[in-house]
């Protein structure tokens, strides 16, 4: 009885430690600077493309960056866990950034995250510059964090950042933002489960308006965000 209880306590504490680490890495206090990027949402709003923000966000998650980032996180997680080579997946993730500002968004956040997480990843061989989903996934795998939870936490942070951007752009208020965050939970969990079993062959999307908005944001005169 005592041994079983000790194992249960140890397992519970290990799971708590994993959760704490993910919460720390995705906390607004972690110096990544995600608050300064809207992922093209600012231009999409200006151009009148976001009539239903919930539908916009769901599409972005299922058919755009949300899905692709989840696949990249999963692949990087496996390589981080197994000591695999990260250069090719980092190059692929960088190439998938379809505009200058999307490239800035993923690379600047990746560099900032790699610097901030260094105390947890000593011994992990990262390329000199690494896109955000790749460095995040590799760091989580290297630290033994569970794959599905890692993907889900990453996606939840992405959704939260989009909602915060929407609030700042007056698309919705705080109350609706909280409701939307709750409503997105099944989508986040579904994508996390599917992405955990994915391969790089499953990368791809059809969120074309979001990508075009991200491109056009470069020429927007008055703006709050860097992308």
C-alpha atoms as a PDB file:
ATOM      1  CA  UNK A   1       0.000   0.000   0.000  1.00  0.00           C
ATOM      2  CA  UNK A   2       2.773   2.390   0.960  1.00  0.00           C
ATOM      3  CA  UNK A   3       4.742   1.743  -2.243  1.00  0.00           C
ATOM      4  CA  UNK A   4       1.662   2.186  -4.415  1.00  0.00           C
ATOM      5  CA  UNK A   5       0.805   5.433  -2.666  1.00  0.00           C
ATOM      6  CA  UNK A   6       4.359   6.704  -3.077  1.00  0.00           C
ATOM      7  CA  UNK A   7       4.317   5.904  -6.797  1.00  0.00           C
ATOM      8  CA  UNK A   8       0.970   7.665  -7.174  1.00  0.00           C
ATOM      9  CA  UNK A   9       2.264  10.738  -5.347  1.00  0.00           C
ATOM     10  CA  UNK A  10       5.438  10.750  -7.437  1.00  0.00           C
ATOM     11  CA  UNK A  11       3.430  10.469 -10.645  1.00  0.00           C
ATOM     12  CA  UNK A  12       1.081  13.226  -9.566  1.00  0.00           C
ATOM     13  CA  UNK A  13       3.974  15.516  -8.675  1.00  0.00           C
ATOM     14  CA  UNK A  14       5.680  14.796 -11.999  1.00  0.00           C
ATOM     15  CA  UNK A  15       2.490  15.695 -13.852  1.00  0.00           C
ATOM     16  CA  UNK A  16       2.196  18.864 -11.771  1.00  0.00           C
ATOM     17  CA  UNK A  17       5.790  19.764 -12.615  1.00  0.00           C
ATOM     18  CA  UNK A  18       5.074  19.294 -16.320  1.00  0.00           C
ATOM     19  CA  UNK A  19       2.005  21.528 -16.088  1.00  0.00           C
ATOM     20  CA  UNK A  20       3.940  24.189 -14.190  1.00  0.00           C
ATOM     21  CA  UNK A  21       6.663  24.205 -16.828  1.00  0.00           C
ATOM     22  CA  UNK A  22       4.206  24.596 -19.687  1.00  0.00           C
ATOM     23  CA  UNK A  23       2.385  27.369 -17.825  1.00  0.00           C
ATOM     24  CA  UNK A  24       5.686  29.136 -17.176  1.00  0.00           C
ATOM     25  CA  UNK A  25       6.841  28.906 -20.777  1.00  0.00           C
ATOM     26  CA  UNK A  26       3.513  30.195 -22.105  1.00  0.00           C
ATOM     27  CA  UNK A  27       2.944  32.807 -19.415  1.00  0.00           C
ATOM     28  CA  UNK A  28       2.630  36.457 -20.483  1.00  0.00           C
ATOM     29  CA  UNK A  29       5.599  37.016 -18.170  1.00  0.00           C
ATOM     30  CA  UNK A  30       7.810  34.816 -20.370  1.00  0.00           C
ATOM     31  CA  UNK A  31       9.721  37.278 -22.594  1.00  0.00           C
ATOM     32  CA  UNK A  32       8.598  36.145 -26.034  1.00  0.00           C
ATOM     33  CA  UNK A  33       6.654  39.249 -27.062  1.00  0.00           C
ATOM     34  CA  UNK A  34       3.634  37.486 -28.563  1.00  0.00           C
ATOM     35  CA  UNK A  35       1.383  40.381 -27.495  1.00  0.00           C
ATOM     36  CA  UNK A  36       2.916  42.565 -30.214  1.00  0.00           C
ATOM     37  CA  UNK A  37       1.744  40.338 -33.086  1.00  0.00           C
ATOM     38  CA  UNK A  38      -1.779  39.940 -34.470  1.00  0.00           C
ATOM     39  CA  UNK A  39      -0.962  37.313 -37.128  1.00  0.00           C
ATOM     40  CA  UNK A  40      -2.557  39.479 -39.818  1.00  0.00           C
ATOM     41  CA  UNK A  41      -5.771  39.943 -37.835  1.00  0.00           C
ATOM     42  CA  UNK A  42      -5.347  43.724 -37.695  1.00  0.00           C
ATOM     43  CA  UNK A  43      -5.350  44.014 -41.485  1.00  0.00           C
ATOM     44  CA  UNK A  44      -8.166  41.482 -41.872  1.00  0.00           C
ATOM     45  CA  UNK A  45     -10.303  43.595 -39.554  1.00  0.00           C
ATOM     46  CA  UNK A  46      -9.408  46.780 -41.422  1.00  0.00           C
ATOM     47  CA  UNK A  47     -10.380  45.136 -44.716  1.00  0.00           C
ATOM     48  CA  UNK A  48     -13.721  43.912 -43.321  1.00  0.00           C
ATOM     49  CA  UNK A  49     -12.959  40.192 -43.528  1.00  0.00           C
ATOM     50  CA  UNK A  50     -13.806  39.296 -39.940  1.00  0.00           C
ATOM     51  CA  UNK A  51     -17.579  39.324 -39.619  1.00  0.00           C
ATOM     52  CA  UNK A  52     -17.667  36.365 -37.227  1.00  0.00           C
ATOM     53  CA  UNK A  53     -14.538  36.262 -35.100  1.00  0.00           C
ATOM     54  CA  UNK A  54     -15.310  32.805 -33.702  1.00  0.00           C
ATOM     55  CA  UNK A  55     -15.562  31.375 -37.234  1.00  0.00           C
ATOM     56  CA  UNK A  56     -12.396  33.222 -38.268  1.00  0.00           C
ATOM     57  CA  UNK A  57     -10.483  31.780 -35.325  1.00  0.00           C
ATOM     58  CA  UNK A  58     -11.836  28.270 -35.860  1.00  0.00           C
ATOM     59  CA  UNK A  59     -10.771  28.373 -39.508  1.00  0.00           C
ATOM     60  CA  UNK A  60      -7.313  29.631 -38.619  1.00  0.00           C
ATOM     61  CA  UNK A  61      -6.941  26.820 -36.108  1.00  0.00           C
ATOM     62  CA  UNK A  62      -8.228  23.971 -38.275  1.00  0.00           C
ATOM     63  CA  UNK A  63      -7.077  25.021 -41.731  1.00  0.00           C
ATOM     64  CA  UNK A  64      -4.249  27.486 -41.171  1.00  0.00           C
ATOM     65  CA  UNK A  65      -1.458  28.259 -38.748  1.00  0.00           C
ATOM     66  CA  UNK A  66      -3.032  26.440 -35.808  1.00  0.00           C
ATOM     67  CA  UNK A  67      -2.874  23.061 -37.526  1.00  0.00           C
ATOM     68  CA  UNK A  68       0.508  23.583 -39.148  1.00  0.00           C
ATOM     69  CA  UNK A  69       2.127  24.822 -35.958  1.00  0.00           C
ATOM     70  CA  UNK A  70       0.700  21.812 -34.103  1.00  0.00           C
ATOM     71  CA  UNK A  71       2.281  19.438 -36.632  1.00  0.00           C
ATOM     72  CA  UNK A  72       5.609  21.274 -36.365  1.00  0.00           C
ATOM     73  CA  UNK A  73       5.493  21.226 -32.563  1.00  0.00           C
ATOM     74  CA  UNK A  74       4.874  17.465 -32.653  1.00  0.00           C
ATOM     75  CA  UNK A  75       7.747  16.737 -35.027  1.00  0.00           C
ATOM     76  CA  UNK A  76      10.136  18.977 -33.097  1.00  0.00           C
ATOM     77  CA  UNK A  77       8.995  17.361 -29.834  1.00  0.00           C
ATOM     78  CA  UNK A  78       9.945  13.919 -31.121  1.00  0.00           C
ATOM     79  CA  UNK A  79      13.337  15.116 -32.275  1.00  0.00           C
ATOM     80  CA  UNK A  80      13.983  16.988 -29.043  1.00  0.00           C
ATOM     81  CA  UNK A  81      13.114  13.863 -27.071  1.00  0.00           C
ATOM     82  CA  UNK A  82      15.264  11.558 -29.214  1.00  0.00           C
ATOM     83  CA  UNK A  83      18.213  13.882 -29.853  1.00  0.00           C
ATOM     84  CA  UNK A  84      17.333  14.130 -33.537  1.00  0.00           C
ATOM     85  CA  UNK A  85      18.420  16.723 -36.090  1.00  0.00           C
ATOM     86  CA  UNK A  86      16.341  19.921 -36.049  1.00  0.00           C
ATOM     87  CA  UNK A  87      17.814  21.918 -38.938  1.00  0.00           C
ATOM     88  CA  UNK A  88      15.570  20.566 -41.685  1.00  0.00           C
ATOM     89  CA  UNK A  89      12.309  20.955 -39.736  1.00  0.00           C
ATOM     90  CA  UNK A  90      13.402  24.460 -38.695  1.00  0.00           C
ATOM     91  CA  UNK A  91      14.090  25.359 -42.328  1.00  0.00           C
ATOM     92  CA  UNK A  92      10.711  23.945 -43.378  1.00  0.00           C
ATOM     93  CA  UNK A  93       8.893  25.912 -40.671  1.00  0.00           C
ATOM     94  CA  UNK A  94      10.698  29.093 -41.683  1.00  0.00           C
ATOM     95  CA  UNK A  95       9.831  28.549 -45.351  1.00  0.00           C
ATOM     96  CA  UNK A  96       6.153  28.200 -44.440  1.00  0.00           C
ATOM     97  CA  UNK A  97       6.008  31.773 -43.172  1.00  0.00           C
ATOM     98  CA  UNK A  98       4.249  33.314 -46.147  1.00  0.00           C
ATOM     99  CA  UNK A  99       5.135  36.974 -45.670  1.00  0.00           C
ATOM    100  CA  UNK A 100       7.840  39.193 -44.212  1.00  0.00           C
ATOM    101  CA  UNK A 101       5.863  39.913 -41.068  1.00  0.00           C
ATOM    102  CA  UNK A 102       4.840  36.291 -40.539  1.00  0.00           C
ATOM    103  CA  UNK A 103       8.512  35.424 -40.872  1.00  0.00           C
ATOM    104  CA  UNK A 104       9.400  38.081 -38.315  1.00  0.00           C
ATOM    105  CA  UNK A 105       6.673  36.816 -35.991  1.00  0.00           C
ATOM    106  CA  UNK A 106       7.827  33.207 -35.900  1.00  0.00           C
ATOM    107  CA  UNK A 107      11.572  33.844 -35.999  1.00  0.00           C
ATOM    108  CA  UNK A 108      11.689  36.667 -33.449  1.00  0.00           C
ATOM    109  CA  UNK A 109       9.520  34.736 -31.014  1.00  0.00           C
ATOM    110  CA  UNK A 110      11.585  31.609 -31.582  1.00  0.00           C
ATOM    111  CA  UNK A 111      14.823  33.438 -30.866  1.00  0.00           C
ATOM    112  CA  UNK A 112      13.366  35.091 -27.767  1.00  0.00           C
ATOM    113  CA  UNK A 113      11.983  31.779 -26.499  1.00  0.00           C
ATOM    114  CA  UNK A 114      15.261  29.947 -27.080  1.00  0.00           C
ATOM    115  CA  UNK A 115      17.104  32.573 -25.050  1.00  0.00           C
ATOM    116  CA  UNK A 116      14.578  32.580 -22.215  1.00  0.00           C
ATOM    117  CA  UNK A 117      14.289  28.790 -21.989  1.00  0.00           C
ATOM    118  CA  UNK A 118      18.036  28.148 -22.041  1.00  0.00           C
ATOM    119  CA  UNK A 119      18.116  27.278 -18.339  1.00  0.00           C
ATOM    120  CA  UNK A 120      15.822  24.322 -19.065  1.00  0.00           C
ATOM    121  CA  UNK A 121      17.460  23.140 -22.298  1.00  0.00           C
ATOM    122  CA  UNK A 122      21.190  22.892 -21.632  1.00  0.00           C
ATOM    123  CA  UNK A 123      22.447  20.169 -23.963  1.00  0.00           C
ATOM    124  CA  UNK A 124      19.699  20.596 -26.574  1.00  0.00           C
ATOM    125  CA  UNK A 125      21.250  21.339 -29.965  1.00  0.00           C
ATOM    126  CA  UNK A 126      19.170  24.070 -31.592  1.00  0.00           C
ATOM    127  CA  UNK A 127      19.904  25.757 -34.936  1.00  0.00           C
ATOM    128  CA  UNK A 128      21.197  29.325 -34.639  1.00  0.00           C
ATOM    129  CA  UNK A 129      17.768  30.668 -35.573  1.00  0.00           C
ATOM    130  CA  UNK A 130      14.678  28.551 -35.021  1.00  0.00           C
ATOM    131  CA  UNK A 131      10.963  29.244 -35.652  1.00  0.00           C
ATOM    132  CA  UNK A 132       8.832  29.434 -32.537  1.00  0.00           C
ATOM    133  CA  UNK A 133       6.857  26.160 -32.878  1.00  0.00           C
ATOM    134  CA  UNK A 134      10.062  24.227 -33.525  1.00  0.00           C
ATOM    135  CA  UNK A 135      12.035  25.547 -30.570  1.00  0.00           C
ATOM    136  CA  UNK A 136       8.981  25.182 -28.319  1.00  0.00           C
ATOM    137  CA  UNK A 137       8.296  21.602 -29.362  1.00  0.00           C
ATOM    138  CA  UNK A 138      11.946  20.571 -29.182  1.00  0.00           C
ATOM    139  CA  UNK A 139      12.332  22.123 -25.723  1.00  0.00           C
ATOM    140  CA  UNK A 140       9.239  20.289 -24.475  1.00  0.00           C
ATOM    141  CA  UNK A 141      10.406  16.947 -25.861  1.00  0.00           C
ATOM    142  CA  UNK A 142      13.884  17.446 -24.412  1.00  0.00           C
ATOM    143  CA  UNK A 143      12.310  18.107 -21.009  1.00  0.00           C
ATOM    144  CA  UNK A 144      10.085  15.039 -21.187  1.00  0.00           C
ATOM    145  CA  UNK A 145       6.833  16.979 -21.244  1.00  0.00           C
ATOM    146  CA  UNK A 146       3.829  15.001 -22.584  1.00  0.00           C
ATOM    147  CA  UNK A 147       3.201  15.504 -26.286  1.00  0.00           C
ATOM    148  CA  UNK A 148      -0.568  16.051 -26.407  1.00  0.00           C
ATOM    149  CA  UNK A 149      -0.479  18.429 -23.452  1.00  0.00           C
ATOM    150  CA  UNK A 150       2.410  20.324 -25.037  1.00  0.00           C
ATOM    151  CA  UNK A 151       0.510  20.820 -28.286  1.00  0.00           C
ATOM    152  CA  UNK A 152      -2.709  21.751 -26.498  1.00  0.00           C
ATOM    153  CA  UNK A 153      -0.940  24.296 -24.290  1.00  0.00           C
ATOM    154  CA  UNK A 154       0.787  25.856 -27.299  1.00  0.00           C
ATOM    155  CA  UNK A 155      -2.504  26.132 -29.193  1.00  0.00           C
ATOM    156  CA  UNK A 156      -4.323  27.543 -26.184  1.00  0.00           C
ATOM    157  CA  UNK A 157      -1.687  30.272 -25.945  1.00  0.00           C
ATOM    158  CA  UNK A 158      -2.089  31.012 -29.656  1.00  0.00           C
ATOM    159  CA  UNK A 159      -5.868  31.272 -29.277  1.00  0.00           C
ATOM    160  CA  UNK A 160      -5.500  33.479 -26.193  1.00  0.00           C
ATOM    161  CA  UNK A 161      -3.190  35.819 -28.064  1.00  0.00           C
ATOM    162  CA  UNK A 162      -5.608  36.085 -30.979  1.00  0.00           C
ATOM    163  CA  UNK A 163      -8.457  36.836 -28.588  1.00  0.00           C
ATOM    164  CA  UNK A 164      -6.406  39.514 -26.850  1.00  0.00           C
ATOM    165  CA  UNK A 165      -5.620  41.036 -30.238  1.00  0.00           C
ATOM    166  CA  UNK A 166      -9.322  40.945 -31.089  1.00  0.00           C
ATOM    167  CA  UNK A 167     -10.150  42.757 -27.856  1.00  0.00           C
ATOM    168  CA  UNK A 168      -7.564  45.445 -28.579  1.00  0.00           C
ATOM    169  CA  UNK A 169      -9.046  45.824 -32.071  1.00  0.00           C
ATOM    170  CA  UNK A 170     -12.558  46.191 -30.571  1.00  0.00           C
ATOM    171  CA  UNK A 171     -13.866  43.019 -32.196  1.00  0.00           C
ATOM    172  CA  UNK A 172     -15.149  41.758 -28.854  1.00  0.00           C
ATOM    173  CA  UNK A 173     -15.088  42.516 -25.150  1.00  0.00           C
ATOM    174  CA  UNK A 174     -13.467  40.721 -22.232  1.00  0.00           C
ATOM    175  CA  UNK A 175     -16.601  38.729 -21.362  1.00  0.00           C
ATOM    176  CA  UNK A 176     -17.036  37.420 -24.896  1.00  0.00           C
ATOM    177  CA  UNK A 177     -13.310  36.738 -25.021  1.00  0.00           C
ATOM    178  CA  UNK A 178     -13.521  34.451 -21.993  1.00  0.00           C
ATOM    179  CA  UNK A 179     -16.552  32.681 -23.459  1.00  0.00           C
ATOM    180  CA  UNK A 180     -14.771  32.178 -26.762  1.00  0.00           C
ATOM    181  CA  UNK A 181     -11.706  30.802 -24.993  1.00  0.00           C
ATOM    182  CA  UNK A 182     -13.958  28.213 -23.331  1.00  0.00           C
ATOM    183  CA  UNK A 183     -15.746  27.404 -26.586  1.00  0.00           C
ATOM    184  CA  UNK A 184     -12.428  26.790 -28.346  1.00  0.00           C
ATOM    185  CA  UNK A 185     -11.375  24.049 -25.914  1.00  0.00           C
ATOM    186  CA  UNK A 186     -12.847  21.138 -27.937  1.00  0.00           C
ATOM    187  CA  UNK A 187     -11.153  22.431 -31.096  1.00  0.00           C
ATOM    188  CA  UNK A 188      -7.820  22.763 -29.324  1.00  0.00           C
ATOM    189  CA  UNK A 189      -8.047  19.248 -27.881  1.00  0.00           C
ATOM    190  CA  UNK A 190      -9.123  17.745 -31.208  1.00  0.00           C
ATOM    191  CA  UNK A 191      -6.216  19.317 -33.055  1.00  0.00           C
ATOM    192  CA  UNK A 192      -3.782  18.301 -30.317  1.00  0.00           C
ATOM    193  CA  UNK A 193      -4.848  14.653 -30.524  1.00  0.00           C
ATOM    194  CA  UNK A 194      -4.652  14.550 -34.334  1.00  0.00           C
ATOM    195  CA  UNK A 195      -1.369  16.451 -34.517  1.00  0.00           C
ATOM    196  CA  UNK A 196       0.256  14.164 -31.944  1.00  0.00           C
ATOM    197  CA  UNK A 197      -0.030  11.325 -34.465  1.00  0.00           C
ATOM    198  CA  UNK A 198       0.810  13.414 -37.528  1.00  0.00           C
ATOM    199  CA  UNK A 199       3.826  13.563 -39.816  1.00  0.00           C
ATOM    200  CA  UNK A 200       5.285  16.456 -41.790  1.00  0.00           C
ATOM    201  CA  UNK A 201       3.455  15.094 -44.863  1.00  0.00           C
ATOM    202  CA  UNK A 202       0.236  16.416 -43.277  1.00  0.00           C
ATOM    203  CA  UNK A 203       1.336  20.046 -43.320  1.00  0.00           C
ATOM    204  CA  UNK A 204      -0.875  22.315 -45.391  1.00  0.00           C
ATOM    205  CA  UNK A 205      -3.804  24.654 -45.155  1.00  0.00           C
ATOM    206  CA  UNK A 206      -6.400  26.746 -46.912  1.00  0.00           C
ATOM    207  CA  UNK A 207      -6.714  29.885 -44.757  1.00  0.00           C
ATOM    208  CA  UNK A 208      -5.857  32.054 -47.739  1.00  0.00           C
ATOM    209  CA  UNK A 209      -7.539  35.263 -46.610  1.00  0.00           C
ATOM    210  CA  UNK A 210      -5.611  35.180 -43.347  1.00  0.00           C
ATOM    211  CA  UNK A 211      -2.328  34.742 -45.221  1.00  0.00           C
ATOM    212  CA  UNK A 212      -3.146  37.558 -47.656  1.00  0.00           C
ATOM    213  CA  UNK A 213      -4.106  39.813 -44.750  1.00  0.00           C
ATOM    214  CA  UNK A 214      -0.737  39.080 -43.145  1.00  0.00           C
ATOM    215  CA  UNK A 215       0.983  40.097 -46.396  1.00  0.00           C
ATOM    216  CA  UNK A 216      -1.053  43.286 -46.742  1.00  0.00           C
ATOM    217  CA  UNK A 217      -0.405  44.293 -43.138  1.00  0.00           C
ATOM    218  CA  UNK A 218       3.102  45.304 -44.228  1.00  0.00           C
ATOM    219  CA  UNK A 219       1.654  48.339 -46.001  1.00  0.00           C
ATOM    220  CA  UNK A 220      -0.964  49.292 -43.414  1.00  0.00           C
ATOM    221  CA  UNK A 221      -0.377  52.903 -42.416  1.00  0.00           C
ATOM    222  CA  UNK A 222      -1.785  53.057 -38.900  1.00  0.00           C
ATOM    223  CA  UNK A 223      -1.375  49.934 -36.793  1.00  0.00           C
ATOM    224  CA  UNK A 224      -1.064  48.539 -33.282  1.00  0.00           C
ATOM    225  CA  UNK A 225       0.773  45.299 -34.075  1.00  0.00           C
ATOM    226  CA  UNK A 226       3.967  44.171 -35.781  1.00  0.00           C
ATOM    227  CA  UNK A 227       2.095  41.634 -37.923  1.00  0.00           C
END
